[in-house]
Amino acid sequence: MVTISPEAIAKFEQFVSDSEPMDWFLLFSWKRGAVNNRRTENGGVVWERAPHEGWVVDLGGWKPNTVPPEEGIRLHRDVRVLIQETSAPTPFPGGEIYVEGGEFKVKVHAI
């Protein structure tokens, strides 16, 4: 289950109303931490791993009728939810969409 704060509703309603007609989606995906390797002075390899960011959410739009109408879960008016679990370690447990620093964020429900 996905819920949405009043601030998030206001943000995407403003964005959607100011844009050309689109099929709008809130896209949930798992964001892995960055991995980088480098050579040390003596030629060894050092791996640097940032922690996973976890579940993130973005607003995206496609030209009308590009995405089949049965895709996604209708969340609010004409905005649907798409969940991309391909790289996630576990299925998306649901959460609340809110706005922080002008960006959409998701607070994941406890499993």
C-alpha atoms as a PDB file:
ATOM      1  CA  MET A   1       0.000   0.000   0.000  1.00  0.00           C
ATOM      2  CA  VAL A   2       1.218   3.475  -0.888  1.00  0.00           C
ATOM      3  CA  THR A   3      -0.025   6.620   0.806  1.00  0.00           C
ATOM      4  CA  ILE A   4       0.780  10.203  -0.070  1.00  0.00           C
ATOM      5  CA  SER A   5       1.110  13.329   2.036  1.00  0.00           C
ATOM      6  CA  PRO A   6      -0.918  16.459   1.225  1.00  0.00           C
ATOM      7  CA  GLU A   7       2.336  18.279   0.318  1.00  0.00           C
ATOM      8  CA  ALA A   8       3.258  15.568  -2.189  1.00  0.00           C
ATOM      9  CA  ILE A   9      -0.212  15.725  -3.731  1.00  0.00           C
ATOM     10  CA  ALA A  10       0.118  19.493  -4.116  1.00  0.00           C
ATOM     11  CA  LYS A  11       3.578  19.135  -5.666  1.00  0.00           C
ATOM     12  CA  PHE A  12       2.614  16.638  -8.349  1.00  0.00           C
ATOM     13  CA  GLU A  13      -0.722  18.352  -9.057  1.00  0.00           C
ATOM     14  CA  GLN A  14       1.151  21.611  -9.732  1.00  0.00           C
ATOM     15  CA  PHE A  15       3.705  19.821 -11.896  1.00  0.00           C
ATOM     16  CA  VAL A  16       1.073  17.882 -13.840  1.00  0.00           C
ATOM     17  CA  SER A  17      -1.178  20.914 -14.369  1.00  0.00           C
ATOM     18  CA  ASP A  18       1.747  23.006 -15.693  1.00  0.00           C
ATOM     19  CA  SER A  19       2.832  20.352 -18.222  1.00  0.00           C
ATOM     20  CA  GLU A  20       1.634  19.045 -21.545  1.00  0.00           C
ATOM     21  CA  PRO A  21      -0.740  16.049 -21.429  1.00  0.00           C
ATOM     22  CA  MET A  22       1.129  12.937 -20.272  1.00  0.00           C
ATOM     23  CA  ASP A  23       0.531   9.619 -18.552  1.00  0.00           C
ATOM     24  CA  TRP A  24       2.062  10.345 -15.122  1.00  0.00           C
ATOM     25  CA  PHE A  25       3.652   7.814 -12.776  1.00  0.00           C
ATOM     26  CA  LEU A  26       5.364   7.804  -9.429  1.00  0.00           C
ATOM     27  CA  LEU A  27       8.194   5.332  -9.991  1.00  0.00           C
ATOM     28  CA  PHE A  28       9.561   3.357  -7.071  1.00  0.00           C
ATOM     29  CA  SER A  29      12.938   1.707  -7.520  1.00  0.00           C
ATOM     30  CA  TRP A  30      15.810   0.384  -5.431  1.00  0.00           C
ATOM     31  CA  LYS A  31      18.932   2.543  -5.546  1.00  0.00           C
ATOM     32  CA  ARG A  32      22.114   0.650  -4.824  1.00  0.00           C
ATOM     33  CA  GLY A  33      25.099   2.302  -3.247  1.00  0.00           C
ATOM     34  CA  ALA A  34      27.916   3.366  -5.535  1.00  0.00           C
ATOM     35  CA  VAL A  35      30.957   1.125  -5.899  1.00  0.00           C
ATOM     36  CA  ASN A  36      34.343   2.322  -7.018  1.00  0.00           C
ATOM     37  CA  ASN A  37      37.748   0.710  -7.169  1.00  0.00           C
ATOM     38  CA  ARG A  38      41.107   2.378  -7.426  1.00  0.00           C
ATOM     39  CA  ARG A  39      44.775   1.488  -7.322  1.00  0.00           C
ATOM     40  CA  THR A  40      46.874   2.302  -4.301  1.00  0.00           C
ATOM     41  CA  GLU A  41      50.399   3.685  -4.539  1.00  0.00           C
ATOM     42  CA  ASN A  42      51.844   0.168  -4.254  1.00  0.00           C
ATOM     43  CA  GLY A  43      49.559  -1.205  -7.019  1.00  0.00           C
ATOM     44  CA  GLY A  44      46.943  -2.829  -4.789  1.00  0.00           C
ATOM     45  CA  VAL A  45      43.230  -2.466  -5.419  1.00  0.00           C
ATOM     46  CA  VAL A  46      40.935  -0.713  -2.961  1.00  0.00           C
ATOM     47  CA  TRP A  47      37.161  -1.037  -3.218  1.00  0.00           C
ATOM     48  CA  GLU A  48      35.026   1.818  -1.924  1.00  0.00           C
ATOM     49  CA  ARG A  49      31.380   1.012  -1.320  1.00  0.00           C
ATOM     50  CA  ALA A  50      28.723   3.532  -0.362  1.00  0.00           C
ATOM     51  CA  PRO A  51      25.662   2.256   1.491  1.00  0.00           C
ATOM     52  CA  HIS A  52      22.496   1.572  -0.484  1.00  0.00           C
ATOM     53  CA  GLU A  53      20.093   4.500  -0.645  1.00  0.00           C
ATOM     54  CA  GLY A  54      17.220   2.032  -0.609  1.00  0.00           C
ATOM     55  CA  TRP A  55      13.814   2.743  -2.072  1.00  0.00           C
ATOM     56  CA  VAL A  56      13.501   6.021  -3.976  1.00  0.00           C
ATOM     57  CA  VAL A  57      10.606   7.628  -5.829  1.00  0.00           C
ATOM     58  CA  ASP A  58      10.547   9.863  -8.907  1.00  0.00           C
ATOM     59  CA  LEU A  59       7.769  11.430 -10.939  1.00  0.00           C
ATOM     60  CA  GLY A  60       7.884  10.467 -14.592  1.00  0.00           C
ATOM     61  CA  GLY A  61       5.674  10.960 -17.593  1.00  0.00           C
ATOM     62  CA  TRP A  62       5.194   9.292 -20.945  1.00  0.00           C
ATOM     63  CA  LYS A  63       3.310  10.461 -23.993  1.00  0.00           C
ATOM     64  CA  PRO A  64      -0.393   9.590 -23.645  1.00  0.00           C
ATOM     65  CA  ASN A  65      -1.309   5.988 -24.467  1.00  0.00           C
ATOM     66  CA  THR A  66       2.344   4.852 -24.564  1.00  0.00           C
ATOM     67  CA  VAL A  67       1.956   2.799 -21.375  1.00  0.00           C
ATOM     68  CA  PRO A  68      -0.969   0.347 -21.305  1.00  0.00           C
ATOM     69  CA  PRO A  69      -3.800   1.628 -19.065  1.00  0.00           C
ATOM     70  CA  GLU A  70      -3.669  -1.500 -16.891  1.00  0.00           C
ATOM     71  CA  GLU A  71      -0.014  -0.864 -15.966  1.00  0.00           C
ATOM     72  CA  GLY A  72       0.555   0.487 -12.495  1.00  0.00           C
ATOM     73  CA  ILE A  73      -1.756   1.216  -9.616  1.00  0.00           C
ATOM     74  CA  ARG A  74      -3.883   4.344  -9.690  1.00  0.00           C
ATOM     75  CA  LEU A  75      -2.825   6.493  -6.751  1.00  0.00           C
ATOM     76  CA  HIS A  76      -4.448   9.888  -7.117  1.00  0.00           C
ATOM     77  CA  ARG A  77      -6.471  11.238 -10.017  1.00  0.00           C
ATOM     78  CA  ASP A  78      -4.433  10.477 -13.145  1.00  0.00           C
ATOM     79  CA  VAL A  79      -1.171   9.573 -11.392  1.00  0.00           C
ATOM     80  CA  ARG A  80      -0.286   5.880 -11.207  1.00  0.00           C
ATOM     81  CA  VAL A  81       2.369   3.998  -9.266  1.00  0.00           C
ATOM     82  CA  LEU A  82       4.948   1.756 -10.943  1.00  0.00           C
ATOM     83  CA  ILE A  83       7.230  -0.376  -8.801  1.00  0.00           C
ATOM     84  CA  GLN A  84      10.518  -1.575 -10.276  1.00  0.00           C
ATOM     85  CA  GLU A  85      11.842  -4.357  -8.049  1.00  0.00           C
ATOM     86  CA  THR A  86      14.474  -5.738 -10.428  1.00  0.00           C
ATOM     87  CA  SER A  87      17.543  -4.867  -8.325  1.00  0.00           C
ATOM     88  CA  ALA A  88      15.844  -4.787  -4.916  1.00  0.00           C
ATOM     89  CA  PRO A  89      16.868  -7.330  -2.285  1.00  0.00           C
ATOM     90  CA  THR A  90      13.217  -7.708  -1.178  1.00  0.00           C
ATOM     91  CA  PRO A  91       9.813  -6.735  -2.596  1.00  0.00           C
ATOM     92  CA  PHE A  92       8.635  -3.164  -2.025  1.00  0.00           C
ATOM     93  CA  PRO A  93       6.812  -3.162   1.348  1.00  0.00           C
ATOM     94  CA  GLY A  94       4.739  -0.050   0.674  1.00  0.00           C
ATOM     95  CA  GLY A  95       5.306   3.382   2.076  1.00  0.00           C
ATOM     96  CA  GLU A  96       4.370   7.027   2.286  1.00  0.00           C
ATOM     97  CA  ILE A  97       5.357   9.577  -0.343  1.00  0.00           C
ATOM     98  CA  TYR A  98       6.278  12.976   1.064  1.00  0.00           C
ATOM     99  CA  VAL A  99       8.265  16.047   0.001  1.00  0.00           C
ATOM    100  CA  GLU A 100      11.598  17.057   1.497  1.00  0.00           C
ATOM    101  CA  GLY A 101      13.811  19.797   0.099  1.00  0.00           C
ATOM    102  CA  GLY A 102      11.519  20.111  -2.910  1.00  0.00           C
ATOM    103  CA  GLU A 103      12.011  16.450  -3.871  1.00  0.00           C
ATOM    104  CA  PHE A 104       9.723  13.435  -3.602  1.00  0.00           C
ATOM    105  CA  LYS A 105      10.848  10.987  -0.925  1.00  0.00           C
ATOM    106  CA  VAL A 106       9.464   7.705   0.340  1.00  0.00           C
ATOM    107  CA  LYS A 107       9.260   6.508   3.917  1.00  0.00           C
ATOM    108  CA  VAL A 108       9.099   2.728   3.661  1.00  0.00           C
ATOM    109  CA  HIS A 109       6.658   0.847   5.898  1.00  0.00           C
ATOM    110  CA  ALA A 110       8.218  -1.488   8.432  1.00  0.00           C
ATOM    111  CA  ILE A 111       8.155  -5.100   7.319  1.00  0.00           C
END
